[in-house]
Structure formats: C-alpha cells, structure tokens
N, C-alpha and C. Protein backbone atom coordinates (compact mmCIF):
# COMPACT_ATOMS: atom_id res chain seq x y z
N MET A 1 16.03 23.83 -25.65
CA MET A 1 14.89 22.79 -25.64
C MET A 1 14.45 22.54 -27.22
N VAL A 2 14.21 21.27 -27.13
CA VAL A 2 13.80 20.94 -28.67
C VAL A 2 12.58 21.36 -28.81
N ASP A 3 12.22 21.75 -30.17
CA ASP A 3 11.08 22.25 -30.56
C ASP A 3 10.07 21.01 -31.34
N LEU A 4 9.35 20.53 -30.23
CA LEU A 4 8.53 19.55 -31.06
C LEU A 4 7.03 19.57 -31.19
N PRO A 5 6.31 19.14 -32.03
CA PRO A 5 4.83 19.61 -32.04
C PRO A 5 4.39 18.72 -30.60
N ALA A 6 3.01 19.16 -30.34
CA ALA A 6 2.43 18.48 -29.43
C ALA A 6 2.61 17.05 -29.28
N ALA A 7 2.59 16.25 -27.75
CA ALA A 7 2.61 15.07 -27.77
C ALA A 7 0.95 14.53 -27.77
N PRO A 8 1.09 13.37 -28.33
CA PRO A 8 -0.58 12.81 -28.35
C PRO A 8 -1.06 12.82 -26.71
N SER A 9 -2.33 12.68 -26.61
CA SER A 9 -3.07 12.57 -25.58
C SER A 9 -3.20 10.71 -25.37
N TRP A 10 -2.34 10.37 -24.54
CA TRP A 10 -2.22 9.13 -24.08
C TRP A 10 -3.42 8.14 -23.98
N ARG A 11 -3.59 7.16 -24.18
CA ARG A 11 -5.01 6.57 -23.54
C ARG A 11 -4.70 4.92 -23.22
N GLY A 12 -3.51 4.83 -22.94
CA GLY A 12 -3.26 3.32 -22.41
C GLY A 12 -2.70 2.49 -23.25
N ILE A 13 -2.36 1.34 -22.93
CA ILE A 13 -1.81 0.47 -24.16
C ILE A 13 -2.86 -0.09 -25.11
N ASN A 14 -2.72 0.04 -26.11
CA ASN A 14 -3.52 -0.58 -27.00
C ASN A 14 -3.34 -2.32 -27.18
N HIS A 15 -2.09 -2.25 -27.25
CA HIS A 15 -1.81 -3.85 -26.82
C HIS A 15 -0.28 -4.09 -26.41
N MET A 16 0.19 -5.37 -25.87
CA MET A 16 1.32 -5.60 -25.84
C MET A 16 1.56 -7.16 -26.45
N ALA A 17 1.83 -7.14 -27.17
CA ALA A 17 2.36 -8.41 -28.34
C ALA A 17 3.19 -9.37 -27.61
N LEU A 18 2.89 -10.44 -27.19
CA LEU A 18 3.92 -11.52 -26.82
C LEU A 18 3.66 -12.63 -27.89
N VAL A 19 4.40 -13.50 -27.52
CA VAL A 19 4.70 -14.69 -28.83
C VAL A 19 4.25 -16.20 -27.86
N THR A 20 3.26 -16.90 -28.12
CA THR A 20 3.02 -18.44 -27.79
C THR A 20 3.37 -19.36 -28.93
N PRO A 21 3.93 -20.63 -28.07
CA PRO A 21 3.83 -21.76 -29.51
C PRO A 21 2.39 -22.29 -29.60
N ASP A 22 1.74 -21.84 -28.81
CA ASP A 22 0.49 -22.93 -28.87
C ASP A 22 -0.76 -21.63 -28.41
N MET A 23 -1.54 -21.29 -29.57
CA MET A 23 -2.44 -20.58 -29.39
C MET A 23 -3.85 -21.20 -28.54
N ASP A 24 -4.15 -21.98 -28.66
CA ASP A 24 -5.01 -23.08 -28.19
C ASP A 24 -4.95 -22.99 -26.62
N ALA A 25 -3.70 -23.39 -26.33
CA ALA A 25 -3.84 -23.43 -24.88
C ALA A 25 -3.52 -21.69 -23.99
N THR A 26 -3.18 -20.84 -25.17
CA THR A 26 -3.09 -19.43 -24.61
C THR A 26 -4.67 -18.94 -24.55
N VAL A 27 -5.47 -19.04 -25.25
CA VAL A 27 -7.02 -18.70 -25.20
C VAL A 27 -7.24 -19.73 -24.16
N ARG A 28 -7.32 -20.64 -23.56
CA ARG A 28 -7.70 -21.45 -22.30
C ARG A 28 -7.45 -20.78 -21.36
N PHE A 29 -6.30 -20.41 -21.19
CA PHE A 29 -5.61 -19.67 -19.79
C PHE A 29 -6.26 -18.20 -19.94
N TYR A 30 -5.59 -17.63 -20.96
CA TYR A 30 -5.94 -15.99 -20.87
C TYR A 30 -7.97 -15.94 -20.79
N ALA A 31 -8.30 -16.43 -21.59
CA ALA A 31 -10.09 -16.34 -21.23
C ALA A 31 -10.53 -17.06 -20.38
N GLY A 32 -10.18 -18.39 -20.40
CA GLY A 32 -10.85 -19.08 -19.54
C GLY A 32 -10.09 -19.14 -18.01
N VAL A 33 -9.14 -19.29 -17.76
CA VAL A 33 -8.37 -18.94 -16.38
C VAL A 33 -8.47 -17.50 -15.87
N LEU A 34 -8.10 -16.70 -16.79
CA LEU A 34 -8.07 -15.25 -16.09
C LEU A 34 -9.29 -14.15 -16.33
N GLY A 35 -10.10 -14.69 -17.26
CA GLY A 35 -11.40 -14.09 -17.53
C GLY A 35 -11.32 -13.04 -18.82
N MET A 36 -10.19 -13.16 -19.31
CA MET A 36 -10.32 -11.94 -20.15
C MET A 36 -10.76 -12.43 -21.26
N PRO A 37 -11.48 -11.49 -21.81
CA PRO A 37 -12.45 -11.94 -23.34
C PRO A 37 -11.66 -11.85 -24.37
N LEU A 38 -11.89 -12.65 -25.16
CA LEU A 38 -11.14 -13.21 -26.40
C LEU A 38 -12.16 -11.93 -27.62
N VAL A 39 -11.26 -10.88 -27.86
CA VAL A 39 -12.14 -10.16 -28.65
C VAL A 39 -11.95 -9.64 -30.15
N ALA A 40 -10.72 -10.61 -30.58
CA ALA A 40 -10.17 -10.26 -31.87
C ALA A 40 -9.27 -11.43 -32.28
N THR A 41 -9.45 -12.37 -33.31
CA THR A 41 -8.61 -13.29 -33.98
C THR A 41 -8.00 -13.00 -35.09
N LEU A 42 -7.07 -12.57 -35.45
CA LEU A 42 -6.45 -11.61 -36.76
C LEU A 42 -5.49 -12.75 -37.18
N MET A 43 -5.16 -12.55 -38.52
CA MET A 43 -4.14 -13.49 -39.20
C MET A 43 -2.92 -12.46 -39.53
N ALA A 44 -1.81 -12.44 -39.25
CA ALA A 44 -0.72 -11.77 -39.59
C ALA A 44 0.33 -12.45 -40.41
N GLY A 45 -0.18 -12.46 -41.79
CA GLY A 45 0.54 -13.37 -42.58
C GLY A 45 0.04 -14.95 -42.57
N THR A 46 0.75 -15.69 -41.68
CA THR A 46 0.56 -17.14 -41.64
C THR A 46 0.17 -17.45 -40.33
N MET A 47 0.58 -16.51 -39.50
CA MET A 47 0.74 -16.47 -37.73
C MET A 47 -0.95 -16.11 -37.45
N ARG A 48 -1.03 -16.68 -36.58
CA ARG A 48 -2.62 -15.98 -35.35
C ARG A 48 -1.93 -14.73 -34.98
N HIS A 49 -3.05 -14.13 -34.66
CA HIS A 49 -2.73 -12.90 -33.68
C HIS A 49 -3.90 -12.46 -33.03
N TYR A 50 -4.03 -13.18 -31.74
CA TYR A 50 -5.51 -13.02 -31.10
C TYR A 50 -5.31 -11.92 -29.83
N PHE A 51 -6.19 -11.23 -29.72
CA PHE A 51 -6.12 -10.41 -28.24
C PHE A 51 -7.46 -10.55 -27.45
N PHE A 52 -7.18 -10.19 -26.10
CA PHE A 52 -7.74 -10.33 -25.20
C PHE A 52 -7.88 -9.14 -24.54
N GLU A 53 -8.98 -8.72 -24.01
CA GLU A 53 -9.49 -7.34 -23.43
C GLU A 53 -8.93 -7.63 -22.09
N ILE A 54 -8.31 -6.41 -21.76
CA ILE A 54 -7.68 -6.11 -20.21
C ILE A 54 -9.19 -5.23 -19.63
N ALA A 55 -9.14 -3.77 -20.42
CA ALA A 55 -9.78 -3.12 -20.30
C ALA A 55 -10.13 -2.31 -21.46
N PRO A 56 -11.61 -1.45 -21.67
CA PRO A 56 -11.70 -0.95 -22.97
C PRO A 56 -10.71 -0.20 -23.33
N GLN A 57 -10.27 -0.69 -24.65
CA GLN A 57 -9.12 -0.22 -25.58
C GLN A 57 -8.07 -0.84 -25.06
N ASN A 58 -7.65 -1.61 -24.08
CA ASN A 58 -6.41 -2.06 -23.71
C ASN A 58 -6.64 -3.50 -23.73
N THR A 59 -5.33 -4.33 -24.54
CA THR A 59 -5.56 -5.63 -24.74
C THR A 59 -4.03 -5.96 -24.26
N VAL A 60 -4.08 -7.52 -24.40
CA VAL A 60 -2.93 -8.20 -24.59
C VAL A 60 -3.15 -8.96 -25.48
N ALA A 61 -1.84 -9.22 -26.56
CA ALA A 61 -2.06 -9.99 -27.73
C ALA A 61 -1.08 -11.03 -28.04
N PHE A 62 -1.21 -11.90 -28.76
CA PHE A 62 -0.13 -12.76 -29.10
C PHE A 62 -0.22 -13.71 -30.69
N PHE A 63 1.27 -13.54 -30.85
CA PHE A 63 1.33 -13.87 -32.25
C PHE A 63 1.55 -15.70 -31.93
N GLU A 64 0.94 -16.44 -32.50
CA GLU A 64 1.71 -17.88 -32.51
C GLU A 64 2.42 -18.00 -33.64
N ILE A 65 3.60 -18.57 -33.12
CA ILE A 65 4.76 -18.84 -33.69
C ILE A 65 4.91 -20.47 -33.40
N GLU A 66 4.72 -21.19 -34.60
CA GLU A 66 5.18 -22.61 -34.35
C GLU A 66 6.46 -22.96 -33.86
N GLY A 67 6.68 -23.69 -32.68
CA GLY A 67 8.23 -24.17 -32.24
C GLY A 67 8.62 -23.24 -31.48
N ALA A 68 8.20 -21.75 -31.05
CA ALA A 68 8.76 -20.92 -30.64
C ALA A 68 9.54 -21.50 -29.28
N GLU A 69 10.38 -21.35 -28.49
CA GLU A 69 10.91 -21.86 -27.40
C GLU A 69 10.36 -21.34 -26.35
N THR A 70 10.06 -21.97 -25.42
CA THR A 70 9.67 -21.22 -23.93
C THR A 70 10.35 -21.54 -23.14
N PHE A 71 10.33 -21.04 -21.94
CA PHE A 71 11.17 -20.84 -20.62
C PHE A 71 10.29 -20.30 -19.48
N ALA A 72 11.05 -20.45 -18.38
CA ALA A 72 10.19 -20.07 -17.23
C ALA A 72 11.38 -19.59 -16.31
N LYS A 73 10.82 -18.46 -15.99
CA LYS A 73 11.71 -17.29 -14.88
C LYS A 73 10.63 -16.56 -14.03
N GLY A 74 11.38 -16.75 -12.87
CA GLY A 74 10.26 -16.13 -11.93
C GLY A 74 10.26 -14.48 -11.90
N ALA A 75 9.25 -13.72 -11.87
CA ALA A 75 9.02 -12.39 -12.27
C ALA A 75 9.99 -11.48 -11.11
N GLY A 76 10.94 -10.66 -11.55
CA GLY A 76 11.75 -9.89 -11.07
C GLY A 76 13.12 -10.89 -10.82
N ALA A 77 13.37 -11.78 -11.29
CA ALA A 77 14.15 -12.40 -10.82
C ALA A 77 15.14 -12.67 -12.10
N PRO A 78 16.66 -12.47 -11.93
CA PRO A 78 17.52 -12.28 -13.07
C PRO A 78 17.36 -13.74 -13.92
N GLY A 79 17.66 -13.55 -15.00
CA GLY A 79 17.50 -14.80 -16.25
C GLY A 79 18.87 -15.05 -16.87
N ASP A 80 19.33 -16.29 -16.98
CA ASP A 80 20.51 -16.62 -17.85
C ASP A 80 20.54 -16.41 -19.22
N ARG A 81 19.72 -15.81 -19.76
CA ARG A 81 19.36 -15.93 -21.24
C ARG A 81 18.87 -14.08 -21.66
N ALA A 82 18.95 -13.97 -22.89
CA ALA A 82 18.32 -12.85 -23.38
C ALA A 82 16.62 -13.04 -23.39
N ILE A 83 16.18 -11.89 -23.12
CA ILE A 83 14.87 -11.80 -22.89
C ILE A 83 13.90 -11.18 -23.32
N GLN A 84 13.14 -11.25 -24.77
CA GLN A 84 12.39 -10.33 -25.32
C GLN A 84 11.23 -10.32 -25.97
N PHE A 85 10.36 -9.51 -25.66
CA PHE A 85 8.91 -9.76 -26.14
C PHE A 85 8.83 -9.28 -27.40
N ASP A 86 7.59 -9.38 -27.57
CA ASP A 86 7.52 -8.59 -29.38
C ASP A 86 7.63 -7.12 -29.36
N HIS A 87 6.63 -6.63 -28.77
CA HIS A 87 6.38 -5.15 -28.89
C HIS A 87 5.57 -4.62 -27.77
N LEU A 88 5.50 -3.52 -27.67
CA LEU A 88 4.30 -2.85 -26.65
C LEU A 88 3.64 -1.73 -28.03
N SER A 89 2.53 -1.67 -27.90
CA SER A 89 1.93 -0.84 -28.48
C SER A 89 0.92 0.53 -27.83
N PHE A 90 1.02 1.56 -27.47
CA PHE A 90 0.27 2.40 -26.99
C PHE A 90 -0.73 2.69 -27.68
N ASN A 91 -1.95 3.05 -27.15
CA ASN A 91 -3.15 3.36 -27.54
C ASN A 91 -3.29 4.95 -27.58
N VAL A 92 -3.68 5.50 -28.83
CA VAL A 92 -4.43 6.83 -29.10
C VAL A 92 -5.47 7.01 -29.53
N ALA A 93 -6.26 8.00 -29.58
CA ALA A 93 -7.51 8.60 -29.92
C ALA A 93 -7.85 8.14 -31.25
N ASP A 94 -6.96 8.61 -32.37
CA ASP A 94 -7.38 8.58 -33.70
C ASP A 94 -6.44 8.49 -34.90
N GLU A 95 -6.69 8.59 -35.91
CA GLU A 95 -5.82 8.90 -36.95
C GLU A 95 -5.20 10.26 -36.73
N GLN A 96 -5.59 11.27 -36.73
CA GLN A 96 -5.10 12.29 -36.56
C GLN A 96 -3.86 12.49 -35.31
N ALA A 97 -4.20 11.55 -34.18
CA ALA A 97 -3.06 11.57 -33.18
C ALA A 97 -2.22 10.64 -33.40
N LEU A 98 -2.65 9.86 -34.12
CA LEU A 98 -1.12 8.62 -34.66
C LEU A 98 -0.34 9.50 -35.61
N GLU A 99 -1.17 10.19 -36.57
CA GLU A 99 -0.18 11.42 -37.50
C GLU A 99 0.85 12.32 -37.06
N ARG A 100 -0.11 12.72 -35.88
CA ARG A 100 0.82 13.68 -34.82
C ARG A 100 2.17 13.12 -34.42
N LEU A 101 1.65 11.89 -33.87
CA LEU A 101 2.94 11.53 -33.18
C LEU A 101 3.82 11.20 -34.11
N ARG A 102 3.57 10.70 -35.39
CA ARG A 102 4.22 10.33 -36.39
C ARG A 102 5.28 11.62 -36.80
N LEU A 103 4.57 12.80 -36.95
CA LEU A 103 5.40 14.11 -37.08
C LEU A 103 6.37 14.50 -36.08
N ARG A 104 5.90 14.08 -34.59
CA ARG A 104 6.69 14.38 -33.54
C ARG A 104 7.85 13.56 -33.51
N LEU A 105 7.69 12.37 -33.74
CA LEU A 105 8.97 11.39 -33.77
C LEU A 105 10.09 11.76 -34.89
N LEU A 106 9.53 12.04 -36.16
CA LEU A 106 10.44 12.44 -37.21
C LEU A 106 11.09 13.75 -36.86
N ALA A 107 10.25 14.54 -36.02
CA ALA A 107 10.89 16.02 -35.53
C ALA A 107 12.08 15.92 -34.57
N ALA A 108 11.78 14.75 -33.92
CA ALA A 108 13.03 14.27 -32.85
C ALA A 108 14.20 13.90 -33.49
N GLY A 109 13.82 13.63 -34.69
CA GLY A 109 14.95 12.65 -35.47
C GLY A 109 14.91 11.09 -35.10
N SER A 110 13.77 10.50 -34.87
CA SER A 110 13.52 9.10 -34.88
C SER A 110 12.98 8.51 -36.07
N GLU A 111 13.33 7.48 -36.08
CA GLU A 111 12.90 6.49 -37.66
C GLU A 111 11.48 6.12 -37.08
N VAL A 112 10.43 6.39 -37.81
CA VAL A 112 9.33 5.82 -37.70
C VAL A 112 8.63 5.36 -39.18
N THR A 113 7.76 4.40 -38.99
CA THR A 113 7.10 3.60 -40.34
C THR A 113 5.70 4.86 -40.52
N GLU A 114 5.28 4.69 -41.88
CA GLU A 114 4.25 5.61 -42.15
C GLU A 114 2.93 4.75 -41.41
N ILE A 115 2.08 5.38 -41.65
CA ILE A 115 0.88 4.77 -41.04
C ILE A 115 0.37 3.41 -41.55
N VAL A 116 0.34 2.23 -40.59
CA VAL A 116 0.02 0.95 -41.40
C VAL A 116 -1.24 0.52 -41.14
N ASP A 117 -2.03 0.22 -42.10
CA ASP A 117 -3.55 -0.20 -41.98
C ASP A 117 -3.46 -1.67 -41.66
N HIS A 118 -3.97 -2.22 -40.67
CA HIS A 118 -3.99 -3.42 -40.19
C HIS A 118 -5.80 -3.92 -40.21
N SER A 119 -6.25 -3.34 -40.86
CA SER A 119 -8.04 -3.56 -41.24
C SER A 119 -8.48 -2.72 -39.70
N THR A 120 -8.25 -3.60 -38.38
CA THR A 120 -8.99 -3.07 -37.13
C THR A 120 -8.26 -2.20 -36.37
N ILE A 121 -7.03 -2.10 -36.49
CA ILE A 121 -6.25 -1.16 -35.95
C ILE A 121 -5.31 -0.54 -37.07
N LYS A 122 -4.87 0.50 -36.70
CA LYS A 122 -4.03 1.32 -37.60
C LYS A 122 -2.82 1.99 -36.89
N SER A 123 -1.73 1.64 -37.20
CA SER A 123 -0.51 2.13 -36.28
C SER A 123 0.63 2.70 -36.83
N VAL A 124 1.78 2.86 -36.24
CA VAL A 124 3.26 3.15 -36.57
C VAL A 124 4.03 2.38 -35.60
N TYR A 125 5.34 2.57 -36.63
CA TYR A 125 6.19 1.31 -35.65
C TYR A 125 7.41 2.10 -35.56
N PHE A 126 8.02 2.21 -34.37
CA PHE A 126 9.23 3.04 -34.13
C PHE A 126 10.27 2.09 -32.59
N THR A 127 11.19 2.78 -32.47
CA THR A 127 11.86 1.56 -31.11
C THR A 127 12.20 3.00 -30.41
N ASP A 128 12.68 2.29 -29.37
CA ASP A 128 13.37 3.35 -28.04
C ASP A 128 14.80 3.30 -28.36
N PRO A 129 15.33 4.35 -27.55
CA PRO A 129 16.96 4.16 -27.91
C PRO A 129 17.50 3.18 -27.30
N HIS A 130 17.05 2.18 -26.81
CA HIS A 130 17.62 0.81 -26.40
C HIS A 130 17.14 -0.49 -27.68
N GLY A 131 16.37 0.04 -28.43
CA GLY A 131 15.93 -0.95 -29.37
C GLY A 131 14.53 -1.65 -29.08
N ILE A 132 14.03 -1.23 -28.17
CA ILE A 132 12.76 -2.04 -27.74
C ILE A 132 11.47 -1.57 -28.86
N ALA A 133 10.96 -2.59 -29.52
CA ALA A 133 10.23 -2.46 -30.33
C ALA A 133 8.83 -1.62 -29.85
N LEU A 134 8.16 -0.52 -30.31
CA LEU A 134 7.16 0.18 -30.05
C LEU A 134 6.06 0.21 -31.28
N GLU A 135 5.08 0.72 -30.80
CA GLU A 135 4.02 0.91 -32.00
C GLU A 135 3.17 1.88 -31.13
N ALA A 136 2.23 2.88 -32.07
CA ALA A 136 1.22 3.46 -31.45
C ALA A 136 0.44 3.03 -32.26
N SER A 137 -1.44 3.10 -31.70
CA SER A 137 -2.30 2.81 -32.51
C SER A 137 -3.27 2.94 -31.96
N PHE A 138 -4.69 2.97 -32.94
CA PHE A 138 -6.18 3.36 -32.56
C PHE A 138 -6.56 2.51 -33.10
N TRP A 139 -7.90 2.24 -32.60
CA TRP A 139 -8.84 0.86 -33.00
C TRP A 139 -9.54 1.33 -34.10
N VAL A 140 -9.42 1.06 -35.61
CA VAL A 140 -10.50 1.38 -36.60
C VAL A 140 -11.96 0.72 -35.96
N THR A 141 -11.77 -0.46 -35.68
CA THR A 141 -13.09 -1.28 -35.50
C THR A 141 -12.79 -1.57 -34.02
N ASP A 142 -13.33 -0.93 -33.04
CA ASP A 142 -12.84 -1.20 -31.54
C ASP A 142 -13.63 -2.62 -31.15
N PRO A 143 -12.91 -3.61 -30.58
CA PRO A 143 -13.59 -4.62 -30.01
C PRO A 143 -13.84 -4.89 -28.60
N THR A 144 -13.54 -4.01 -27.97
CA THR A 144 -13.49 -3.66 -26.67
C THR A 144 -14.53 -2.98 -25.92
N GLY A 145 -14.88 -3.55 -24.76
CA GLY A 145 -15.90 -2.64 -24.14
C GLY A 145 -17.27 -2.95 -24.34
N ARG A 146 -17.40 -4.46 -25.24
CA ARG A 146 -18.71 -4.85 -25.63
C ARG A 146 -18.49 -6.31 -25.61
N PRO A 147 -19.62 -7.17 -25.91
CA PRO A 147 -19.62 -8.28 -25.89
C PRO A 147 -18.95 -9.02 -27.21
N ALA A 148 -18.27 -9.76 -27.30
CA ALA A 148 -17.59 -10.22 -28.18
C ALA A 148 -18.50 -10.94 -29.41
N ASP A 149 -18.40 -10.84 -30.54
CA ASP A 149 -19.26 -11.32 -31.62
C ASP A 149 -18.65 -12.22 -32.39
N PRO A 150 -18.50 -13.43 -32.44
CA PRO A 150 -17.34 -14.63 -33.21
C PRO A 150 -18.05 -14.31 -34.63
N ALA A 151 -19.21 -13.80 -34.74
CA ALA A 151 -19.83 -13.95 -36.36
C ALA A 151 -19.26 -12.86 -37.00
N ASP A 152 -18.66 -11.74 -36.21
CA ASP A 152 -18.12 -10.83 -37.16
C ASP A 152 -16.62 -10.94 -37.70
N THR A 153 -16.96 -11.25 -38.79
CA THR A 153 -15.56 -11.85 -39.70
C THR A 153 -14.80 -10.81 -40.01
N VAL A 154 -14.55 -9.29 -39.29
CA VAL A 154 -13.93 -8.60 -39.55
C VAL A 154 -12.75 -8.76 -38.11
N LEU A 155 -13.65 -8.88 -37.15
CA LEU A 155 -12.87 -9.15 -36.15
C LEU A 155 -12.36 -10.64 -35.74
N PHE A 156 -12.92 -11.16 -35.93
CA PHE A 156 -12.73 -13.08 -35.98
C PHE A 156 -12.41 -13.55 -37.50
N ALA A 157 -11.21 -13.30 -37.71
CA ALA A 157 -10.81 -13.16 -38.79
C ALA A 157 -10.08 -14.54 -39.31
N ASP A 158 -9.82 -15.48 -38.21
CA ASP A 158 -8.81 -16.57 -38.14
C ASP A 158 -9.92 -17.47 -39.08
N PRO A 159 -9.29 -17.78 -40.24
CA PRO A 159 -10.18 -18.73 -40.91
C PRO A 159 -10.27 -20.35 -40.52
N ASP A 160 -9.25 -20.29 -39.49
CA ASP A 160 -9.19 -21.72 -39.09
C ASP A 160 -9.05 -21.70 -37.44
N PRO A 161 -10.23 -21.27 -36.79
CA PRO A 161 -9.71 -20.92 -35.24
C PRO A 161 -9.19 -22.08 -34.44
N THR A 162 -8.47 -21.99 -33.57
CA THR A 162 -8.28 -22.94 -32.23
C THR A 162 -9.34 -23.88 -31.90
N PRO A 163 -9.10 -25.09 -31.46
CA PRO A 163 -10.49 -25.39 -30.84
C PRO A 163 -10.87 -24.76 -29.69
N ALA A 164 -10.12 -23.82 -28.69
CA ALA A 164 -10.75 -23.05 -27.71
C ALA A 164 -11.70 -22.27 -28.24
N VAL A 165 -11.01 -21.31 -29.31
CA VAL A 165 -12.07 -20.57 -30.03
C VAL A 165 -13.75 -20.91 -30.15
N LEU A 166 -13.52 -22.19 -30.79
CA LEU A 166 -14.89 -22.87 -31.08
C LEU A 166 -15.51 -23.14 -29.85
N GLU A 167 -14.69 -23.55 -28.57
CA GLU A 167 -15.59 -23.95 -27.67
C GLU A 167 -16.09 -22.64 -27.13
N LEU A 168 -15.17 -21.70 -26.76
CA LEU A 168 -16.20 -20.26 -26.38
C LEU A 168 -16.99 -19.80 -27.28
N GLN A 169 -17.64 -20.09 -28.56
CA GLN A 169 -18.52 -19.85 -29.18
C GLN A 169 -19.62 -20.56 -28.59
N GLY A 170 -19.40 -21.76 -28.60
CA GLY A 170 -20.30 -22.76 -28.02
C GLY A 170 -20.79 -22.73 -26.48
N GLU A 171 -20.59 -23.85 -25.91
CA GLU A 171 -20.91 -23.70 -24.55
C GLU A 171 -19.96 -23.03 -23.06
N GLY A 172 -19.01 -23.12 -23.93
CA GLY A 172 -17.62 -22.65 -23.21
C GLY A 172 -16.43 -23.57 -22.87
N LEU A 173 -15.23 -23.42 -22.58
CA LEU A 173 -14.20 -23.84 -22.39
C LEU A 173 -14.46 -25.23 -21.70
N THR A 174 -13.55 -26.37 -22.20
CA THR A 174 -14.03 -27.71 -21.61
C THR A 174 -12.99 -28.04 -20.60
N THR A 175 -11.62 -27.36 -21.22
CA THR A 175 -10.44 -27.52 -20.15
C THR A 175 -9.86 -26.17 -20.14
N VAL A 176 -8.86 -26.07 -19.25
CA VAL A 176 -7.71 -24.94 -19.08
C VAL A 176 -6.42 -25.60 -18.51
N PRO A 177 -5.63 -25.01 -18.76
CA PRO A 177 -4.11 -25.25 -18.40
C PRO A 177 -3.86 -25.11 -16.91
N VAL A 178 -3.10 -26.30 -16.30
CA VAL A 178 -3.01 -25.77 -15.00
C VAL A 178 -1.26 -25.44 -14.82
N THR A 179 -1.04 -24.54 -13.94
CA THR A 179 0.34 -23.53 -14.23
C THR A 179 0.84 -23.98 -12.85
N LYS A 180 2.33 -23.74 -12.82
CA LYS A 180 2.84 -23.84 -11.67
C LYS A 180 3.86 -22.61 -11.44
N LEU A 181 4.41 -22.30 -10.26
CA LEU A 181 5.26 -21.06 -9.61
C LEU A 181 6.55 -21.78 -10.40
N VAL A 182 7.73 -20.97 -10.25
CA VAL A 182 9.10 -21.44 -10.89
C VAL A 182 9.57 -21.51 -9.44
C-alpha cells in the first residue's frame, strides 16, 4: 500500500471549464434559458472567463475563444473526431486543503503546480493518467449561494462585458438562443 497524506474532503465540482466562440450567446442560454445565475465575469489574459452557478460553490465556466470551431454530437453517441473540453476543477474547502492535496499528488509521483492565485479562486493544476486536465480550487471570494452583484468589480471584472451581461444588469435578457437536437 502506498503511504500518502490524507485525501481532501471533496466539496463538489468547483467548475467545469468549457470553450465558447460566442460568450454573449452562452450568457443568453445558460442564464436566460437554463436559469443558471451568472456569478462572475473574469478575464484570463485576453479571454473572457464567465461562471454560472449550478449550486453553492459549484459552477460551469466558459472561456471565450474567438473563432473556436463548434460541432454537434448527440449525447452518448460516438463522434468522428477527438473531443476535448478544457478542464474539470474539483472544489475544496480552503487553502490548507489545497496545499494538502498538492502534497498528496507530489507524494504519489504526480506533477502538480504551485498554488495559483486567480484573485477570486486559488487553484492547483494536474492531469489524470490519460492526460485529462484537472484542477482543484477553492473560492477566495465565493460568488455562489447569494444574489449576483454586477457592481462588485472583483467578481464582475470584464471591462467590456457582452450585451447579454448588460441586459442582465438591467431589465433582463431581451433574446435567448433556440437550440435543436442532433
């Protein structure tokens, strides 16, 4: 048996990060159609990085990559191409839990980053044995489980938000996208 430090007490999925070529349409669908509150609008370099709350401390997030290719594939159906999402982030309680996980990964022989400070979350990055990009995070400033406050410039940090974000801050969304099954 491998002697490892104790495993963290997992608290759900902090966020699953996906890619979108159109953040405005993404806001209109996830906030407007699905009713998931938009709880943070960050910038990752030049890319928008928006978070939608699923449950307290559990979000789905999107990076906006201009020109990203999209495709349709039915759920559970085989595809004719390699499919990759960006990464999956597991939620931990605090920085001590994050550091304990980092030490556990190192003790198991896994490569892992130092703790990365993203202002609203802190994270470590690693991969599974098959190369799936993984992250563990905790909210420094938790945007979930409370009403969103677009005046909070820490959480709503995109200096040029999409029109849908501006609509959410006002009277609400004026349009939502229509989707089709494949």
